[in-house]
Structures are given as C-alpha cells and as structure tokens.
C-alpha cells in the first residue's frame, strides 16, 4: 500500500539549484530525484559475499574461523603446546616440531621486524 505524504523540506539554495539541474539532465522530477536519494541514503548495504575460508589440516590445527569468517589463532593452554623435559625445561611437544631454540626465536623476530 502506497501512502503519499506532503511535507515541507528546507534545503540550502545551492543544493536545491544543483538538484534541479540534475533532475533536468536526467529528465525526471525533483520529487523522484529526492525519493531516489533517500532510498540510497537509508538502504542497508549488502555484506560482501566472500568465499568461505577453507583451512588446510595443518592450518586448522592452529586457526579457527571466527563469526566474521576471518581465521584467528585458536586459544590454547600452555600445557597443550609444551611438555616438561627431564631437565625441567618446557619444550614444544614432538607433534609441534620439537625444541624451540633461541636461534628459531630470533629468526621469527627478524622476519616479523620485532
């Protein structure tokens, strides 16, 4: 059901003149131009539909997909990643790649610019 309502709208003179000019160029009325502008101004933008992120099995071990579809690091307890060696030092569990050395840490820092 369409209901028409008449109302007075105060516009700056410059805007009114530009709108009238555009309406003439488009061969339409000022009323239709204003309706078009209002519709565009209040329309809800459609979310960009991206392809769902597919994680490889290796990536899925460390990442999960958040509610926005973005991969984020999984939260883990320290116990999940490290074990205590016979000397009492924390070392990465074997399935995580073994011992993390200072050299490896420094290399990661260099790569990240830290």
C-alpha atoms as a PDB file:
ATOM      1  CA  UNK A   1       0.000   0.000   0.000  1.00  0.00           C
ATOM      2  CA  UNK A   2       1.477   3.347  -1.048  1.00  0.00           C
ATOM      3  CA  UNK A   3       0.702   6.333   1.107  1.00  0.00           C
ATOM      4  CA  UNK A   4       1.745   9.772  -0.072  1.00  0.00           C
ATOM      5  CA  UNK A   5       2.667  12.397   2.456  1.00  0.00           C
ATOM      6  CA  UNK A   6       3.287  16.045   1.669  1.00  0.00           C
ATOM      7  CA  UNK A   7       5.843  17.861   3.734  1.00  0.00           C
ATOM      8  CA  UNK A   8       7.982  20.943   3.621  1.00  0.00           C
ATOM      9  CA  UNK A   9      11.715  20.336   3.363  1.00  0.00           C
ATOM     10  CA  UNK A  10      14.174  23.161   3.849  1.00  0.00           C
ATOM     11  CA  UNK A  11      17.145  22.882   1.505  1.00  0.00           C
ATOM     12  CA  UNK A  12      20.099  25.202   1.072  1.00  0.00           C
ATOM     13  CA  UNK A  13      19.650  27.252  -2.108  1.00  0.00           C
ATOM     14  CA  UNK A  14      22.835  25.875  -3.683  1.00  0.00           C
ATOM     15  CA  UNK A  15      21.726  22.274  -3.105  1.00  0.00           C
ATOM     16  CA  UNK A  16      18.267  22.970  -4.499  1.00  0.00           C
ATOM     17  CA  UNK A  17      19.714  24.537  -7.677  1.00  0.00           C
ATOM     18  CA  UNK A  18      22.120  21.627  -8.180  1.00  0.00           C
ATOM     19  CA  UNK A  19      19.313  19.104  -7.608  1.00  0.00           C
ATOM     20  CA  UNK A  20      17.024  20.881 -10.102  1.00  0.00           C
ATOM     21  CA  UNK A  21      19.818  20.872 -12.665  1.00  0.00           C
ATOM     22  CA  UNK A  22      20.468  17.144 -12.168  1.00  0.00           C
ATOM     23  CA  UNK A  23      16.733  16.385 -12.379  1.00  0.00           C
ATOM     24  CA  UNK A  24      16.514  18.242 -15.712  1.00  0.00           C
ATOM     25  CA  UNK A  25      19.589  16.440 -17.050  1.00  0.00           C
ATOM     26  CA  UNK A  26      18.076  13.072 -16.121  1.00  0.00           C
ATOM     27  CA  UNK A  27      14.676  14.115 -17.469  1.00  0.00           C
ATOM     28  CA  UNK A  28      12.982  13.394 -14.176  1.00  0.00           C
ATOM     29  CA  UNK A  29      11.294  15.406 -11.460  1.00  0.00           C
ATOM     30  CA  UNK A  30      12.862  16.850  -8.352  1.00  0.00           C
ATOM     31  CA  UNK A  31      10.443  14.725  -6.327  1.00  0.00           C
ATOM     32  CA  UNK A  32      11.654  11.485  -7.965  1.00  0.00           C
ATOM     33  CA  UNK A  33      15.265  12.559  -7.535  1.00  0.00           C
ATOM     34  CA  UNK A  34      14.694  13.165  -3.824  1.00  0.00           C
ATOM     35  CA  UNK A  35      12.976   9.784  -3.421  1.00  0.00           C
ATOM     36  CA  UNK A  36      15.900   8.077  -5.187  1.00  0.00           C
ATOM     37  CA  UNK A  37      18.379   9.879  -2.940  1.00  0.00           C
ATOM     38  CA  UNK A  38      16.500   8.970   0.235  1.00  0.00           C
ATOM     39  CA  UNK A  39      16.267   5.330  -0.810  1.00  0.00           C
ATOM     40  CA  UNK A  40      20.016   5.203  -1.413  1.00  0.00           C
ATOM     41  CA  UNK A  41      20.756   7.007   1.855  1.00  0.00           C
ATOM     42  CA  UNK A  42      18.774   4.590   4.011  1.00  0.00           C
ATOM     43  CA  UNK A  43      19.369   1.304   2.232  1.00  0.00           C
ATOM     44  CA  UNK A  44      21.321  -1.252   4.223  1.00  0.00           C
ATOM     45  CA  UNK A  45      24.490  -2.155   2.363  1.00  0.00           C
ATOM     46  CA  UNK A  46      24.637  -5.800   1.437  1.00  0.00           C
ATOM     47  CA  UNK A  47      27.550  -7.613   3.008  1.00  0.00           C
ATOM     48  CA  UNK A  48      30.229  -8.590   0.582  1.00  0.00           C
ATOM     49  CA  UNK A  49      29.859 -12.284  -0.012  1.00  0.00           C
ATOM     50  CA  UNK A  50      33.291 -13.794   0.135  1.00  0.00           C
ATOM     51  CA  UNK A  51      34.097 -17.389  -0.454  1.00  0.00           C
ATOM     52  CA  UNK A  52      34.156 -19.266   2.835  1.00  0.00           C
ATOM     53  CA  UNK A  53      37.684 -19.695   4.120  1.00  0.00           C
ATOM     54  CA  UNK A  54      38.870 -23.260   3.913  1.00  0.00           C
ATOM     55  CA  UNK A  55      41.684 -24.153   6.245  1.00  0.00           C
ATOM     56  CA  UNK A  56      44.126 -26.903   5.415  1.00  0.00           C
ATOM     57  CA  UNK A  57      44.506 -29.601   8.092  1.00  0.00           C
ATOM     58  CA  UNK A  58      47.813 -28.004   9.126  1.00  0.00           C
ATOM     59  CA  UNK A  59      46.197 -24.551   9.405  1.00  0.00           C
ATOM     60  CA  UNK A  60      43.163 -25.947  11.229  1.00  0.00           C
ATOM     61  CA  UNK A  61      45.470 -27.181  13.964  1.00  0.00           C
ATOM     62  CA  UNK A  62      46.331 -23.578  14.878  1.00  0.00           C
ATOM     63  CA  UNK A  63      43.486 -21.469  13.435  1.00  0.00           C
ATOM     64  CA  UNK A  64      39.716 -21.380  13.586  1.00  0.00           C
ATOM     65  CA  UNK A  65      37.191 -19.268  11.693  1.00  0.00           C
ATOM     66  CA  UNK A  66      35.510 -16.546  13.768  1.00  0.00           C
ATOM     67  CA  UNK A  67      31.934 -15.301  13.378  1.00  0.00           C
ATOM     68  CA  UNK A  68      33.081 -12.825  10.695  1.00  0.00           C
ATOM     69  CA  UNK A  69      34.687 -15.559   8.588  1.00  0.00           C
ATOM     70  CA  UNK A  70      38.227 -14.491   9.499  1.00  0.00           C
ATOM     71  CA  UNK A  71      40.891 -17.028  10.527  1.00  0.00           C
ATOM     72  CA  UNK A  72      42.093 -16.416  14.080  1.00  0.00           C
ATOM     73  CA  UNK A  73      44.576 -18.252  16.250  1.00  0.00           C
ATOM     74  CA  UNK A  74      42.989 -20.864  18.471  1.00  0.00           C
ATOM     75  CA  UNK A  75      43.290 -20.264  22.155  1.00  0.00           C
ATOM     76  CA  UNK A  76      45.387 -22.941  23.740  1.00  0.00           C
ATOM     77  CA  UNK A  77      46.593 -23.686  27.181  1.00  0.00           C
ATOM     78  CA  UNK A  78      50.340 -23.779  27.573  1.00  0.00           C
ATOM     79  CA  UNK A  79      50.023 -27.439  28.535  1.00  0.00           C
ATOM     80  CA  UNK A  80      48.622 -28.176  25.057  1.00  0.00           C
ATOM     81  CA  UNK A  81      51.786 -26.975  23.333  1.00  0.00           C
ATOM     82  CA  UNK A  82      54.588 -27.666  25.791  1.00  0.00           C
ATOM     83  CA  UNK A  83      55.810 -30.516  27.893  1.00  0.00           C
ATOM     84  CA  UNK A  84      58.465 -30.542  30.574  1.00  0.00           C
ATOM     85  CA  UNK A  85      61.664 -32.358  29.656  1.00  0.00           C
ATOM     86  CA  UNK A  86      63.740 -34.440  32.085  1.00  0.00           C
ATOM     87  CA  UNK A  87      65.747 -31.300  32.950  1.00  0.00           C
ATOM     88  CA  UNK A  88      62.589 -29.448  33.963  1.00  0.00           C
ATOM     89  CA  UNK A  89      62.565 -27.129  30.921  1.00  0.00           C
ATOM     90  CA  UNK A  90      59.488 -26.512  28.780  1.00  0.00           C
ATOM     91  CA  UNK A  91      59.863 -27.851  25.238  1.00  0.00           C
ATOM     92  CA  UNK A  92      57.428 -27.979  22.360  1.00  0.00           C
ATOM     93  CA  UNK A  93      55.666 -31.296  22.172  1.00  0.00           C
ATOM     94  CA  UNK A  94      57.056 -33.595  19.495  1.00  0.00           C
ATOM     95  CA  UNK A  95      53.967 -33.225  17.283  1.00  0.00           C
ATOM     96  CA  UNK A  96      54.532 -29.454  17.398  1.00  0.00           C
ATOM     97  CA  UNK A  97      58.033 -29.712  15.979  1.00  0.00           C
ATOM     98  CA  UNK A  98      60.321 -30.402  18.928  1.00  0.00           C
ATOM     99  CA  UNK A  99      62.528 -27.914  20.753  1.00  0.00           C
ATOM    100  CA  UNK A 100      62.239 -24.184  20.058  1.00  0.00           C
ATOM    101  CA  UNK A 101      65.747 -22.721  20.099  1.00  0.00           C
ATOM    102  CA  UNK A 102      66.883 -19.136  20.626  1.00  0.00           C
ATOM    103  CA  UNK A 103      68.018 -19.145  17.020  1.00  0.00           C
ATOM    104  CA  UNK A 104      64.481 -20.001  15.882  1.00  0.00           C
ATOM    105  CA  UNK A 105      63.007 -17.276  18.098  1.00  0.00           C
ATOM    106  CA  UNK A 106      65.487 -14.700  16.778  1.00  0.00           C
ATOM    107  CA  UNK A 107      64.739 -15.719  13.191  1.00  0.00           C
ATOM    108  CA  UNK A 108      61.000 -15.242  13.820  1.00  0.00           C
ATOM    109  CA  UNK A 109      61.690 -11.838  15.396  1.00  0.00           C
ATOM    110  CA  UNK A 110      63.744 -10.797  12.349  1.00  0.00           C
ATOM    111  CA  UNK A 111      61.008 -11.926   9.975  1.00  0.00           C
ATOM    112  CA  UNK A 112      58.376 -10.017  11.958  1.00  0.00           C
ATOM    113  CA  UNK A 113      60.561  -6.962  12.440  1.00  0.00           C
ATOM    114  CA  UNK A 114      60.428  -7.148  16.218  1.00  0.00           C
END
